[in-house]
Amino acid sequence: MSKKSTDSNRAGRDLEDKSSEFTVEKFMAKRYLRGRPQYLAKWEGYSMDQSTWEPLENLGNCMTLVADFEAELFKKSQEKHNTQ
């Protein structure tokens, strides 16, 4: 959905291309494709089935939201590790 990202002070982060502006509501998942991370972006105002996998390079100015998501993943992995 996006080629370029910009940071904002809102809860979501704005992502825009030349014709439209999209806002990430939240990241849902992370995967690796050919060794490179991608994040499943849930777009504000769009349904879950319209979420898209975005490579990290498309999220350059969205790093606060990416960092928050990574912190949650780390926290969940630590909780899982500590309960085993």
N, C-alpha and C. Protein backbone atom coordinates (compact mmCIF):
# COMPACT_ATOMS: atom_id res chain seq x y z
N MET A 1 0.80 -1.18 0.00
CA MET A 1 0.00 0.00 0.00
C MET A 1 0.85 1.25 0.00
N SER A 2 2.09 1.12 0.34
CA SER A 2 2.90 2.31 0.55
C SER A 2 4.28 2.15 -0.03
N LYS A 3 4.85 3.24 -0.44
CA LYS A 3 6.23 3.26 -0.90
C LYS A 3 7.11 4.11 0.00
N LYS A 4 6.55 5.09 0.68
CA LYS A 4 7.32 6.02 1.49
C LYS A 4 6.57 6.24 2.80
N SER A 5 7.29 6.41 3.88
CA SER A 5 6.62 6.62 5.16
C SER A 5 7.06 7.93 5.79
N THR A 6 6.17 8.47 6.61
CA THR A 6 6.49 9.67 7.38
C THR A 6 6.01 9.47 8.80
N ASP A 7 6.73 10.02 9.76
CA ASP A 7 6.36 9.88 11.16
C ASP A 7 5.34 10.95 11.52
N SER A 8 4.47 10.64 12.48
CA SER A 8 3.51 11.63 12.96
C SER A 8 3.37 11.46 14.45
N ASN A 9 2.69 12.38 15.11
CA ASN A 9 2.49 12.31 16.55
C ASN A 9 1.22 11.58 16.91
N ARG A 10 0.45 11.14 15.95
CA ARG A 10 -0.78 10.42 16.22
C ARG A 10 -0.46 9.00 16.65
N ALA A 11 -1.50 8.28 17.12
CA ALA A 11 -1.31 6.90 17.57
C ALA A 11 -0.78 6.05 16.44
N GLY A 12 -1.30 6.20 15.24
CA GLY A 12 -0.80 5.50 14.06
C GLY A 12 0.27 6.34 13.40
N ARG A 13 0.89 5.80 12.41
CA ARG A 13 1.90 6.53 11.66
C ARG A 13 1.44 6.66 10.22
N ASP A 14 1.66 7.84 9.65
CA ASP A 14 1.25 8.09 8.29
C ASP A 14 2.20 7.42 7.33
N LEU A 15 1.63 6.79 6.34
CA LEU A 15 2.41 6.23 5.25
C LEU A 15 1.81 6.77 3.96
N GLU A 16 2.64 7.27 3.08
CA GLU A 16 2.09 7.89 1.89
C GLU A 16 2.84 7.45 0.66
N ASP A 17 2.14 7.46 -0.48
CA ASP A 17 2.80 7.35 -1.76
C ASP A 17 2.47 8.61 -2.52
N LYS A 18 2.71 8.67 -3.81
CA LYS A 18 2.53 9.92 -4.54
C LYS A 18 1.07 10.33 -4.65
N SER A 19 0.13 9.39 -4.57
CA SER A 19 -1.26 9.75 -4.80
C SER A 19 -2.12 9.71 -3.54
N SER A 20 -1.74 8.95 -2.53
CA SER A 20 -2.60 8.78 -1.37
C SER A 20 -1.79 8.73 -0.09
N GLU A 21 -2.47 8.94 1.01
CA GLU A 21 -1.85 8.84 2.32
C GLU A 21 -2.58 7.75 3.10
N PHE A 22 -1.81 6.87 3.71
CA PHE A 22 -2.37 5.77 4.50
C PHE A 22 -1.77 5.84 5.90
N THR A 23 -2.56 5.44 6.88
CA THR A 23 -2.09 5.45 8.26
C THR A 23 -2.09 4.03 8.80
N VAL A 24 -0.97 3.62 9.36
CA VAL A 24 -0.89 2.32 10.00
C VAL A 24 -1.60 2.42 11.34
N GLU A 25 -2.60 1.57 11.53
CA GLU A 25 -3.29 1.50 12.82
C GLU A 25 -2.43 0.75 13.82
N LYS A 26 -1.91 -0.40 13.36
CA LYS A 26 -1.00 -1.19 14.19
C LYS A 26 -0.37 -2.26 13.32
N PHE A 27 0.72 -2.83 13.84
CA PHE A 27 1.35 -3.97 13.19
C PHE A 27 0.81 -5.24 13.83
N MET A 28 0.50 -6.20 13.01
CA MET A 28 -0.14 -7.43 13.47
C MET A 28 0.84 -8.60 13.60
N ALA A 29 1.85 -8.62 12.77
CA ALA A 29 2.77 -9.77 12.75
C ALA A 29 4.07 -9.36 12.07
N LYS A 30 5.03 -10.26 12.20
CA LYS A 30 6.33 -10.06 11.57
C LYS A 30 6.73 -11.37 10.90
N ARG A 31 7.36 -11.26 9.75
CA ARG A 31 7.89 -12.44 9.07
C ARG A 31 9.18 -12.04 8.37
N TYR A 32 9.86 -13.06 7.87
CA TYR A 32 11.08 -12.82 7.10
C TYR A 32 10.88 -13.39 5.71
N LEU A 33 11.21 -12.60 4.71
CA LEU A 33 11.16 -13.04 3.32
C LEU A 33 12.56 -12.84 2.75
N ARG A 34 13.17 -13.95 2.36
CA ARG A 34 14.56 -13.93 1.87
C ARG A 34 15.50 -13.27 2.88
N GLY A 35 15.26 -13.55 4.16
CA GLY A 35 16.11 -13.04 5.23
C GLY A 35 15.86 -11.60 5.63
N ARG A 36 14.85 -10.96 5.05
CA ARG A 36 14.56 -9.56 5.35
C ARG A 36 13.22 -9.45 6.07
N PRO A 37 13.14 -8.62 7.12
CA PRO A 37 11.90 -8.52 7.89
C PRO A 37 10.80 -7.79 7.12
N GLN A 38 9.59 -8.26 7.33
CA GLN A 38 8.39 -7.60 6.84
C GLN A 38 7.38 -7.55 7.98
N TYR A 39 6.56 -6.52 7.98
CA TYR A 39 5.57 -6.32 9.03
C TYR A 39 4.19 -6.28 8.41
N LEU A 40 3.24 -6.97 9.04
CA LEU A 40 1.86 -6.96 8.57
C LEU A 40 1.18 -5.71 9.11
N ALA A 41 0.89 -4.77 8.23
CA ALA A 41 0.31 -3.49 8.61
C ALA A 41 -1.20 -3.53 8.50
N LYS A 42 -1.87 -3.22 9.61
CA LYS A 42 -3.33 -3.04 9.63
C LYS A 42 -3.53 -1.56 9.39
N TRP A 43 -4.17 -1.22 8.27
CA TRP A 43 -4.35 0.17 7.86
C TRP A 43 -5.59 0.77 8.50
N GLU A 44 -5.46 1.97 9.02
CA GLU A 44 -6.58 2.68 9.64
C GLU A 44 -7.66 2.94 8.58
N GLY A 45 -8.90 2.57 8.93
CA GLY A 45 -10.02 2.78 8.02
C GLY A 45 -10.23 1.65 7.02
N TYR A 46 -9.41 0.61 7.11
CA TYR A 46 -9.52 -0.54 6.21
C TYR A 46 -9.72 -1.79 7.04
N SER A 47 -10.34 -2.79 6.44
CA SER A 47 -10.60 -4.04 7.14
C SER A 47 -9.32 -4.87 7.25
N MET A 48 -9.35 -5.86 8.12
CA MET A 48 -8.18 -6.73 8.33
C MET A 48 -7.74 -7.42 7.04
N ASP A 49 -8.71 -7.78 6.19
CA ASP A 49 -8.33 -8.49 4.96
C ASP A 49 -7.62 -7.58 3.96
N GLN A 50 -7.53 -6.29 4.24
CA GLN A 50 -6.80 -5.37 3.40
C GLN A 50 -5.43 -5.01 3.98
N SER A 51 -5.05 -5.70 5.04
CA SER A 51 -3.71 -5.52 5.62
C SER A 51 -2.67 -5.99 4.61
N THR A 52 -1.50 -5.39 4.66
CA THR A 52 -0.44 -5.76 3.71
C THR A 52 0.88 -5.98 4.45
N TRP A 53 1.71 -6.84 3.87
CA TRP A 53 3.05 -7.06 4.37
C TRP A 53 3.94 -5.98 3.79
N GLU A 54 4.60 -5.23 4.67
CA GLU A 54 5.46 -4.13 4.25
C GLU A 54 6.91 -4.41 4.65
N PRO A 55 7.84 -4.27 3.71
CA PRO A 55 9.25 -4.42 4.07
C PRO A 55 9.70 -3.24 4.93
N LEU A 56 10.71 -3.49 5.73
CA LEU A 56 11.22 -2.48 6.65
C LEU A 56 11.60 -1.19 5.92
N GLU A 57 12.14 -1.29 4.72
CA GLU A 57 12.56 -0.08 4.01
C GLU A 57 11.38 0.83 3.66
N ASN A 58 10.17 0.31 3.63
CA ASN A 58 8.99 1.16 3.39
C ASN A 58 8.53 1.86 4.67
N LEU A 59 9.10 1.50 5.79
CA LEU A 59 8.65 2.01 7.08
C LEU A 59 9.69 2.88 7.76
N GLY A 60 10.63 3.40 7.00
CA GLY A 60 11.76 4.14 7.54
C GLY A 60 11.43 5.25 8.51
N ASN A 61 10.40 6.02 8.24
CA ASN A 61 10.03 7.12 9.12
C ASN A 61 8.95 6.71 10.11
N CYS A 62 8.70 5.44 10.18
CA CYS A 62 7.69 4.87 11.07
C CYS A 62 8.36 4.06 12.18
N MET A 63 9.60 4.36 12.44
CA MET A 63 10.40 3.51 13.31
C MET A 63 9.90 3.46 14.75
N THR A 64 9.22 4.47 15.22
CA THR A 64 8.69 4.44 16.59
C THR A 64 7.65 3.33 16.71
N LEU A 65 6.76 3.24 15.74
CA LEU A 65 5.74 2.20 15.75
C LEU A 65 6.37 0.82 15.58
N VAL A 66 7.36 0.70 14.72
CA VAL A 66 8.08 -0.56 14.54
C VAL A 66 8.78 -0.96 15.84
N ALA A 67 9.45 0.00 16.49
CA ALA A 67 10.16 -0.27 17.74
C ALA A 67 9.19 -0.71 18.83
N ASP A 68 8.03 -0.07 18.91
CA ASP A 68 7.02 -0.48 19.89
C ASP A 68 6.55 -1.90 19.64
N PHE A 69 6.34 -2.24 18.38
CA PHE A 69 5.92 -3.60 18.03
C PHE A 69 7.02 -4.61 18.38
N GLU A 70 8.26 -4.27 18.07
CA GLU A 70 9.39 -5.16 18.40
C GLU A 70 9.51 -5.34 19.91
N ALA A 71 9.28 -4.30 20.68
CA ALA A 71 9.34 -4.39 22.14
C ALA A 71 8.26 -5.35 22.66
N GLU A 72 7.07 -5.29 22.08
CA GLU A 72 6.00 -6.21 22.47
C GLU A 72 6.35 -7.65 22.12
N LEU A 73 6.93 -7.86 20.93
CA LEU A 73 7.36 -9.21 20.56
C LEU A 73 8.39 -9.75 21.54
N PHE A 74 9.35 -8.90 21.92
CA PHE A 74 10.38 -9.30 22.87
C PHE A 74 9.77 -9.64 24.22
N LYS A 75 8.87 -8.79 24.68
CA LYS A 75 8.21 -9.00 25.97
C LYS A 75 7.45 -10.33 25.98
N LYS A 76 6.73 -10.61 24.90
CA LYS A 76 5.98 -11.87 24.80
C LYS A 76 6.93 -13.07 24.78
N SER A 77 8.06 -12.94 24.09
CA SER A 77 9.00 -14.06 24.04
C SER A 77 9.62 -14.30 25.41
N GLN A 78 9.88 -13.24 26.16
CA GLN A 78 10.43 -13.38 27.51
C GLN A 78 9.42 -14.02 28.46
N GLU A 79 8.16 -13.61 28.35
CA GLU A 79 7.12 -14.20 29.19
C GLU A 79 6.95 -15.68 28.87
N LYS A 80 7.00 -16.03 27.59
CA LYS A 80 6.88 -17.42 27.20
C LYS A 80 8.06 -18.23 27.71
N HIS A 81 9.25 -17.66 27.61
CA HIS A 81 10.47 -18.32 28.08
C HIS A 81 10.44 -18.53 29.60
N ASN A 82 9.93 -17.55 30.33
CA ASN A 82 9.90 -17.63 31.79
C ASN A 82 8.85 -18.58 32.32
N THR A 83 7.83 -18.89 31.55
CA THR A 83 6.79 -19.80 32.01
C THR A 83 7.10 -21.26 31.68
N GLN A 84 8.15 -21.49 30.93
CA GLN A 84 8.49 -22.88 30.58
C GLN A 84 9.43 -23.50 31.57
